[in-house]
Protein backbone atom coordinates (compact mmCIF):
# COMPACT_ATOMS: atom_id res chain seq x y z
CA UNK A 1 31.47 -56.67 -37.18
CA UNK A 2 28.92 -59.33 -37.92
CA UNK A 3 29.85 -61.56 -40.84
CA UNK A 4 27.11 -62.28 -43.38
CA UNK A 5 30.12 -60.06 -43.84
CA UNK A 6 45.62 -51.06 -43.96
CA UNK A 7 48.22 -49.56 -46.29
CA UNK A 8 50.94 -47.02 -45.88
CA UNK A 9 54.35 -47.14 -44.18
CA UNK A 10 54.77 -50.92 -43.79
CA UNK A 11 58.17 -50.35 -42.18
CA UNK A 12 56.47 -48.59 -39.26
CA UNK A 13 54.08 -51.51 -38.77
CA UNK A 14 56.95 -54.00 -38.66
CA UNK A 15 58.90 -51.91 -36.18
CA UNK A 16 55.88 -51.48 -33.94
CA UNK A 17 55.17 -55.21 -33.89
CA UNK A 18 58.78 -55.92 -32.88
CA UNK A 19 58.48 -53.47 -29.98
CA UNK A 20 55.15 -54.90 -28.90
CA UNK A 21 56.34 -58.49 -29.18
CA UNK A 22 59.26 -57.66 -26.89
CA UNK A 23 56.89 -56.21 -24.33
CA UNK A 24 54.28 -58.98 -24.56
CA UNK A 25 55.97 -62.39 -24.81
CA UNK A 26 52.83 -64.38 -24.07
CA UNK A 27 49.13 -64.09 -23.37
CA UNK A 28 49.78 -64.99 -19.74
CA UNK A 29 51.98 -61.92 -19.38
CA UNK A 30 49.56 -59.58 -21.08
CA UNK A 31 48.76 -57.64 -17.90
CA UNK A 32 52.30 -57.49 -16.50
CA UNK A 33 54.08 -54.11 -16.47
CA UNK A 34 56.59 -53.79 -19.25
CA UNK A 35 57.64 -51.74 -22.29
CA UNK A 36 54.11 -51.52 -23.65
CA UNK A 37 52.77 -50.06 -20.39
CA UNK A 38 55.61 -47.57 -20.40
CA UNK A 39 54.76 -46.49 -23.93
CA UNK A 40 51.05 -46.12 -23.10
CA UNK A 41 51.64 -44.02 -20.00
CA UNK A 42 54.19 -41.73 -21.66
CA UNK A 43 52.30 -40.83 -24.84
CA UNK A 44 50.13 -37.67 -24.77
CA UNK A 45 46.60 -37.37 -26.15
CA UNK A 46 45.48 -36.76 -29.72
CA UNK A 47 46.14 -33.01 -29.48
CA UNK A 48 48.74 -31.12 -31.49
CA UNK A 49 51.38 -31.96 -28.86
CA UNK A 50 51.19 -35.65 -29.68
CA UNK A 51 53.34 -37.07 -32.45
CA UNK A 52 51.81 -39.31 -35.07
CA UNK A 53 54.22 -42.16 -34.36
CA UNK A 54 53.54 -42.01 -30.61
CA UNK A 55 49.78 -42.22 -31.06
CA UNK A 56 50.15 -45.12 -33.50
CA UNK A 57 52.38 -46.98 -31.05
CA UNK A 58 49.97 -46.53 -28.15
CA UNK A 59 46.96 -47.55 -30.23
CA UNK A 60 48.61 -50.71 -31.50
CA UNK A 61 49.87 -51.58 -28.02
CA UNK A 62 46.29 -51.56 -26.80
CA UNK A 63 45.09 -53.68 -29.74
CA UNK A 64 47.75 -56.26 -28.90
CA UNK A 65 46.77 -56.32 -25.24
CA UNK A 66 43.11 -56.92 -26.03
CA UNK A 67 43.65 -59.46 -28.80
CA UNK A 68 45.95 -61.55 -26.61
CA UNK A 69 42.98 -62.29 -24.36
CA UNK A 70 42.03 -65.94 -24.64
CA UNK A 71 38.37 -65.25 -23.92
CA UNK A 72 35.91 -62.40 -23.52
CA UNK A 73 36.69 -62.03 -19.81
CA UNK A 74 40.39 -61.54 -20.56
CA UNK A 75 39.58 -58.97 -23.22
CA UNK A 76 37.36 -57.12 -20.74
CA UNK A 77 40.19 -57.21 -18.20
CA UNK A 78 42.57 -55.60 -20.69
CA UNK A 79 40.06 -52.81 -21.32
CA UNK A 80 39.56 -52.33 -17.58
CA UNK A 81 43.30 -52.09 -17.03
CA UNK A 82 43.54 -49.28 -19.57
CA UNK A 83 40.55 -47.44 -18.13
CA UNK A 84 42.10 -47.67 -14.67
CA UNK A 85 45.35 -46.26 -16.02
CA UNK A 86 43.39 -43.34 -17.47
CA UNK A 87 41.78 -42.72 -14.09
CA UNK A 88 38.28 -43.42 -15.38
CA UNK A 89 35.52 -45.00 -13.32
CA UNK A 90 33.84 -47.87 -15.12
CA UNK A 91 31.35 -50.58 -14.34
CA UNK A 92 30.16 -53.90 -15.67
CA UNK A 93 26.52 -54.20 -16.67
CA UNK A 94 25.57 -57.91 -16.89
CA UNK A 95 22.69 -58.96 -19.11
CA UNK A 96 20.88 -62.06 -20.34
CA UNK A 97 19.69 -62.38 -23.93
CA UNK A 98 18.70 -65.31 -26.13
CA UNK A 99 19.81 -67.74 -23.45
CA UNK A 100 23.29 -66.17 -23.27
CA UNK A 101 24.99 -64.20 -20.50
CA UNK A 102 27.09 -61.17 -21.30
CA UNK A 103 28.46 -58.04 -19.73
CA UNK A 104 28.81 -54.59 -21.19
CA UNK A 105 31.45 -52.21 -19.83
CA UNK A 106 30.23 -48.65 -19.33
CA UNK A 107 32.23 -45.49 -18.55
CA UNK A 108 30.85 -42.10 -17.57
CA UNK A 109 33.18 -39.29 -18.67
CA UNK A 110 30.85 -36.67 -17.20
CA UNK A 111 29.89 -33.32 -18.65
CA UNK A 112 27.55 -30.40 -17.96
CA UNK A 113 24.47 -31.34 -15.94
CA UNK A 114 21.40 -31.59 -18.14
CA UNK A 115 23.40 -31.57 -21.38
CA UNK A 116 22.52 -34.10 -24.11
CA UNK A 117 24.29 -37.44 -24.01
CA UNK A 118 26.93 -38.47 -26.54
CA UNK A 119 27.54 -42.23 -26.42
CA UNK A 120 30.70 -43.68 -27.99
CA UNK A 121 31.24 -47.41 -28.25
CA UNK A 122 32.63 -50.56 -29.83
CA UNK A 123 32.10 -54.26 -29.32
CA UNK A 124 34.88 -56.15 -27.58
CA UNK A 125 33.78 -59.76 -28.06
CA UNK A 126 35.12 -61.88 -30.91
CA UNK A 127 34.25 -65.05 -32.80
CA UNK A 128 35.85 -68.34 -31.77
CA UNK A 129 38.43 -68.35 -34.56
CA UNK A 130 41.36 -65.95 -34.68
CA UNK A 131 42.22 -63.29 -32.12
CA UNK A 132 39.68 -60.60 -33.01
CA UNK A 133 42.35 -57.94 -33.55
CA UNK A 134 40.77 -56.28 -36.55
CA UNK A 135 37.27 -57.30 -35.43
CA UNK A 136 37.20 -55.59 -33.04
CA UNK A 137 40.13 -54.85 -30.75
CA UNK A 138 40.95 -52.15 -33.31
CA UNK A 139 37.64 -50.38 -32.68
CA UNK A 140 37.99 -50.71 -28.91
CA UNK A 141 41.48 -49.19 -28.98
CA UNK A 142 40.10 -46.30 -31.03
CA UNK A 143 37.42 -45.60 -28.41
CA UNK A 144 40.07 -45.72 -25.68
CA UNK A 145 42.12 -43.12 -27.56
CA UNK A 146 39.10 -40.86 -27.83
CA UNK A 147 38.43 -41.37 -24.12
CA UNK A 148 41.88 -40.06 -23.29
CA UNK A 149 41.45 -37.06 -25.58
CA UNK A 150 37.99 -36.19 -24.26
CA UNK A 151 39.09 -36.55 -20.66
CA UNK A 152 42.02 -34.19 -21.29
CA UNK A 153 39.78 -31.64 -23.03
CA UNK A 154 36.10 -32.32 -22.25
CA UNK A 155 33.27 -31.30 -24.52
CA UNK A 156 31.46 -28.13 -23.45
CA UNK A 157 27.90 -29.06 -24.39
CA UNK A 158 27.55 -32.83 -24.03
CA UNK A 159 27.78 -35.43 -21.36
CA UNK A 160 29.86 -38.35 -22.65
CA UNK A 161 29.59 -42.06 -21.94
CA UNK A 162 31.59 -44.93 -23.39
CA UNK A 163 30.26 -48.45 -23.90
CA UNK A 164 32.10 -51.63 -24.79
CA UNK A 165 29.54 -54.15 -26.00
CA UNK A 166 29.51 -57.89 -25.45
CA UNK A 167 27.91 -60.49 -27.75
CA UNK A 168 27.83 -58.34 -30.86
CA UNK A 169 28.88 -61.38 -32.82
CA UNK A 170 25.79 -63.25 -31.59
CA UNK A 171 23.33 -60.68 -32.88
CA UNK A 172 24.20 -57.26 -31.40
CA UNK A 173 22.91 -58.58 -28.09
CA UNK A 174 24.87 -56.28 -25.78
CA UNK A 175 23.76 -53.12 -27.54
CA UNK A 176 20.15 -54.33 -27.72
CA UNK A 177 20.19 -55.15 -23.99
CA UNK A 178 21.53 -51.71 -23.07
CA UNK A 179 18.88 -49.96 -25.13
CA UNK A 180 16.12 -52.12 -23.64
CA UNK A 181 17.17 -51.54 -20.00
CA UNK A 182 14.35 -49.88 -18.01
CA UNK A 183 14.73 -46.11 -17.82
CA UNK A 184 17.61 -46.05 -20.31
CA UNK A 185 18.40 -42.56 -21.55
CA UNK A 186 18.30 -42.05 -25.30
CA UNK A 187 21.57 -40.47 -26.44
CA UNK A 188 21.61 -37.49 -28.74
CA UNK A 189 23.92 -39.63 -30.87
CA UNK A 190 25.59 -43.02 -30.65
CA UNK A 191 29.01 -43.19 -32.36
CA UNK A 192 30.21 -46.71 -33.14
CA UNK A 193 33.61 -48.06 -34.20
CA UNK A 194 34.11 -51.44 -35.86
CA UNK A 195 37.07 -52.65 -37.96
CA UNK A 196 39.45 -49.71 -37.65
CA UNK A 197 42.63 -51.48 -38.64
CA UNK A 198 44.33 -50.23 -41.80
CA UNK A 199 43.96 -48.22 -44.98
CA UNK A 200 43.62 -44.69 -46.26
CA UNK A 201 39.90 -43.97 -45.87
CA UNK A 202 37.60 -43.18 -42.96
CA UNK A 203 34.34 -44.92 -43.86
CA UNK A 204 31.24 -43.58 -42.14
CA UNK A 205 27.74 -44.97 -41.91
CA UNK A 206 25.38 -42.02 -41.66
CA UNK A 207 21.68 -41.95 -42.52
CA UNK A 208 21.97 -38.24 -43.32
CA UNK A 209 24.49 -36.25 -45.30
CA UNK A 210 24.91 -32.50 -44.97
CA UNK A 211 24.88 -32.45 -41.16
CA UNK A 212 27.38 -30.34 -39.16
CA UNK A 213 29.14 -33.56 -38.17
CA UNK A 214 29.59 -34.76 -41.76
CA UNK A 215 30.65 -31.30 -42.94
CA UNK A 216 33.28 -31.09 -40.19
CA UNK A 217 34.55 -34.58 -41.03
CA UNK A 218 34.91 -33.62 -44.71
CA UNK A 219 36.95 -30.56 -43.75
CA UNK A 220 39.11 -32.37 -41.21
CA UNK A 221 39.83 -35.28 -43.54
CA UNK A 222 41.07 -32.84 -46.18
CA UNK A 223 43.31 -31.18 -43.58
CA UNK A 224 44.71 -34.54 -42.46
CA UNK A 225 45.15 -35.90 -45.98
CA UNK A 226 43.04 -39.04 -45.65
CA UNK A 227 39.98 -40.19 -47.54
CA UNK A 228 36.48 -39.82 -46.15
CA UNK A 229 33.49 -41.73 -47.50
CA UNK A 230 30.11 -41.24 -45.78
CA UNK A 231 26.93 -43.02 -46.80
CA UNK A 232 24.02 -45.12 -45.61
CA UNK A 233 25.29 -48.46 -46.98
CA UNK A 234 27.53 -50.18 -44.43
CA UNK A 235 28.03 -53.64 -42.89
CA UNK A 236 25.85 -54.71 -39.93
CA UNK A 237 27.19 -53.85 -36.48
CA UNK A 238 26.03 -52.25 -33.21
CA UNK A 239 24.79 -48.99 -34.72
CA UNK A 240 21.88 -50.99 -36.15
CA UNK A 241 20.53 -51.72 -32.67
CA UNK A 242 20.17 -47.98 -32.10
CA UNK A 243 18.69 -47.21 -35.51
CA UNK A 244 16.14 -50.00 -35.11
CA UNK A 245 15.10 -48.42 -31.81
CA UNK A 246 14.66 -45.07 -33.56
CA UNK A 247 17.74 -43.64 -31.85
CA UNK A 248 20.33 -41.70 -33.91
CA UNK A 249 23.58 -43.49 -34.62
CA UNK A 250 26.61 -43.47 -36.91
CA UNK A 251 29.52 -45.87 -37.33
CA UNK A 252 33.13 -45.58 -38.46
CA UNK A 253 35.67 -47.95 -39.99
CA UNK A 254 39.21 -47.37 -41.23
CA UNK A 255 39.84 -49.39 -44.40
CA UNK A 256 41.31 -49.07 -47.86
CA UNK A 257 39.14 -46.84 -50.00
CA UNK A 258 39.45 -49.35 -52.84
CA UNK A 259 37.89 -52.06 -50.63
CA UNK A 260 34.57 -50.41 -49.87
CA UNK A 261 32.66 -51.28 -53.05
CA UNK A 262 33.72 -54.92 -52.81
CA UNK A 263 32.86 -55.10 -49.09
CA UNK A 264 29.35 -53.91 -49.86
CA UNK A 265 29.09 -56.46 -52.68
CA UNK A 266 30.09 -59.23 -50.26
CA UNK A 267 27.45 -58.19 -47.75
CA UNK A 268 24.92 -58.10 -50.57
CA UNK A 269 25.60 -61.81 -51.13
CA UNK A 270 27.88 -61.39 -54.14
CA UNK A 271 31.37 -62.88 -54.45
CA UNK A 272 33.79 -60.16 -55.55
CA UNK A 273 37.03 -61.44 -57.04
CA UNK A 274 39.40 -60.80 -55.47
CA UNK A 275 37.72 -60.67 -52.09
CA UNK A 276 38.44 -57.42 -50.22
CA UNK A 277 41.06 -57.66 -47.52
CA UNK A 278 38.53 -57.10 -44.73
CA UNK A 279 36.56 -60.18 -45.80
CA UNK A 280 39.74 -62.26 -45.95
CA UNK A 281 40.80 -61.29 -42.42
CA UNK A 282 37.78 -60.98 -40.13
CA UNK A 283 36.27 -64.18 -38.68
CA UNK A 284 39.35 -66.13 -39.76
CA UNK A 285 42.57 -67.49 -38.17
CA UNK A 286 44.35 -64.54 -39.81
CA UNK A 287 42.68 -61.97 -37.58
CA UNK A 288 45.61 -61.15 -35.34
CA UNK A 289 47.66 -58.05 -34.67
CA UNK A 290 50.07 -58.74 -37.54
CA UNK A 291 47.33 -57.69 -39.98
CA UNK A 292 47.06 -54.16 -38.61
CA UNK A 293 48.71 -51.07 -40.03
CA UNK A 294 48.45 -48.03 -37.74
CA UNK A 295 49.89 -45.63 -40.32
CA UNK A 296 46.65 -43.64 -40.81
CA UNK A 297 45.14 -44.22 -37.37
CA UNK A 298 46.42 -40.95 -35.81
CA UNK A 299 45.08 -38.91 -38.72
CA UNK A 300 41.74 -40.73 -38.59
CA UNK A 301 41.52 -40.15 -34.84
CA UNK A 302 42.13 -36.44 -35.29
CA UNK A 303 39.43 -36.30 -37.97
CA UNK A 304 36.87 -38.03 -35.74
CA UNK A 305 37.77 -35.88 -32.74
CA UNK A 306 37.42 -32.72 -34.85
CA UNK A 307 34.01 -33.91 -36.00
CA UNK A 308 32.82 -34.59 -32.47
CA UNK A 309 33.99 -31.18 -31.29
CA UNK A 310 32.16 -29.52 -34.19
CA UNK A 311 29.05 -31.51 -33.26
CA UNK A 312 29.45 -30.26 -29.69
CA UNK A 313 29.57 -26.64 -30.82
CA UNK A 314 26.53 -27.12 -33.06
CA UNK A 315 24.59 -28.58 -30.12
CA UNK A 316 24.39 -25.16 -28.46
CA UNK A 317 21.90 -23.94 -31.03
CA UNK A 318 20.27 -27.21 -32.10
CA UNK A 319 19.78 -29.42 -29.05
CA UNK A 320 17.92 -28.35 -25.86
CA UNK A 321 19.36 -29.39 -22.54
CA UNK A 322 17.97 -32.69 -21.26
CA UNK A 323 15.91 -32.60 -18.08
CA UNK A 324 17.74 -34.22 -15.19
CA UNK A 325 16.12 -37.25 -13.52
CA UNK A 326 15.70 -35.28 -10.29
CA UNK A 327 13.96 -32.33 -11.94
CA UNK A 328 11.76 -34.67 -13.99
CA UNK A 329 10.69 -36.47 -10.83
CA UNK A 330 9.90 -33.17 -9.14
CA UNK A 331 7.85 -31.97 -12.09
CA UNK A 332 5.73 -35.12 -12.00
CA UNK A 333 5.21 -35.04 -8.27
CA UNK A 334 7.70 -37.84 -7.60
CA UNK A 335 10.14 -37.98 -4.68
């Protein structure tokens, strides 16, 4: 989350951090097999078979792995390790922008040929201060959880790609570079995650209310017992690169519902007193894994997954199948 810019069951958070600390004694050992890897490989996906505590443990284990990275390359390596463990093919896409070099990580989960593209992503870079756990290892870990769920039970009517953006903190450069790449396919929707670290409310940036996605999220949040607050006012992050290109996008955060008004005030240039917790943590030395509370993460994940599956069902009637590159070339007389 660009600066211009959790909390139930604290006993669970403390217990999780003790387990994770035992498994990850130092940044140098972050990629070594140990208790965390065992937890990650043993926990099922976000279906009914998964327990809330198990999902929370796996999610926080991944946040710790990423935030222990001393630089962007180490954070990318932690993501790659998890994608490999999930059996997913991924690639690096280097780019140059504003005199800086970066690399996005892109994963193709597949789907029906010619179906519209659903793109899900989060930025993985961080600012120089702190460990970037809240901003944005938390969002990355959320995308990785969704990847596991969507691999286990694929969508019927969308192709799915994942993207982990570099250089968001320098001006959304990774997302802008991906959009600007020659021949880039416009997704039917880009779904972004940034600051997904604590609280009781799923906060959604959406330019439109009343869509099948928003309706499904309202229903699922009621079923899961967490708050849901959609709206078009939201802090700046990678979804803006898509909206500025005229491409549809939404973004999600998990925060305290009582923080949202003050967060918006802060981004409007005001100085709310007290400052909301998000503004005290991100882009500061305090942004490490100890700040996170995974208590509501499993419920929030189930809400988002339910929304995406409802969107997938609605796509049958609303979105025509995209023309494949091969058929498009044939129609135009190309090779």
